[in-house]
Amino acid sequence: MDIVTHRPLGATVTGLSVRDVDAALARRLAALLAEHGVLVLPGQDVDDAAFVAFLRRFGPLAFTPGETPVEGFADLNVVSNVGRTTPPRSSFHVDTSYVRLPPAYTALRAVQVPRRGGATLFTNQYRAAETLPADLRAEVAGRTITHVVTGLDLDDDAETSAEHPVLRPHPLTGRTALYLSTPQRCAAVSGMEPGRAREVVARLLAHSTAEENTFRHDWSPGDVVMWDNACVLHRADHDGVVGDRVMHRGMVAAVAA
């Protein structure tokens, strides 16, 4: 297994088939994810069954209610632009942050790569926390953001809201990461008036997603990409996409401490 690290985050791992990942290797990959945020695993000859088996090496799987499942694989959902008359919209976010225990990891398997465009962007939320301007750090220290669900039709008993620290320790490394999501999902900041909270969230997001904090992955056939939701924001770039873009997504549940 060979590892090439990227700046400001991410690493490409070659010489590894996800079919061969056992529990010990999954722990090593989890440590790499906690350190680098994103792992790119190119050239993977895998189907959905092998993809699910790989993800289960990291823990029980999670599924976001309201998403479109992959036929025959209820733990996976489809991310696709096929049949759309307008491009999908994507802003930087954390997956399913509106629950008390958001998923630990998300992974995408490239099923169909467009002829042009369709990259996924990731941010280094460790670096975002470390480089936070002093005045903004002082203002958000000790505060929480209330994350809420948007765009999904959920059952009455489903979780739809959760509070998380703005400056959140990573569950494995203990390093502080700046934890937020798209502004529409950040309903409140503890102890702040709504107007000021919106201003602060906008400033935090702009800082997080600045170019110096962002890694861009351009997809190739056979790619599997996995990231750590505790220290990464992500979004798809749908501008100028030519051709069909189809991904199958799986998530690994977080385990309560």
Foldseek 3Di string as FASTA:
>chain_A
DDWDADPPAEIEDEPDELLPDALVNLVVVVVNQVVRFKYKYFDYPDDPVSVVVSLCSNPAWDDDPQAAADVPGRQKGKDKPPPPPDWDDKDWFFPPPFDAFGFFKKKKAWPDAFPDFWKKKKFFQLVLLVPPPPVLCVVQVPKWFKFADPDGDDDPPDRGIDIDRQFHQDPPPRRTGGDDGPLVGRQDMPPDDRVVRSVSVVVSRCSRPPPNGMDIDRDDHRMMMMGGSRGMIMIIDRPPTHGMTMIMMITHTDDDD
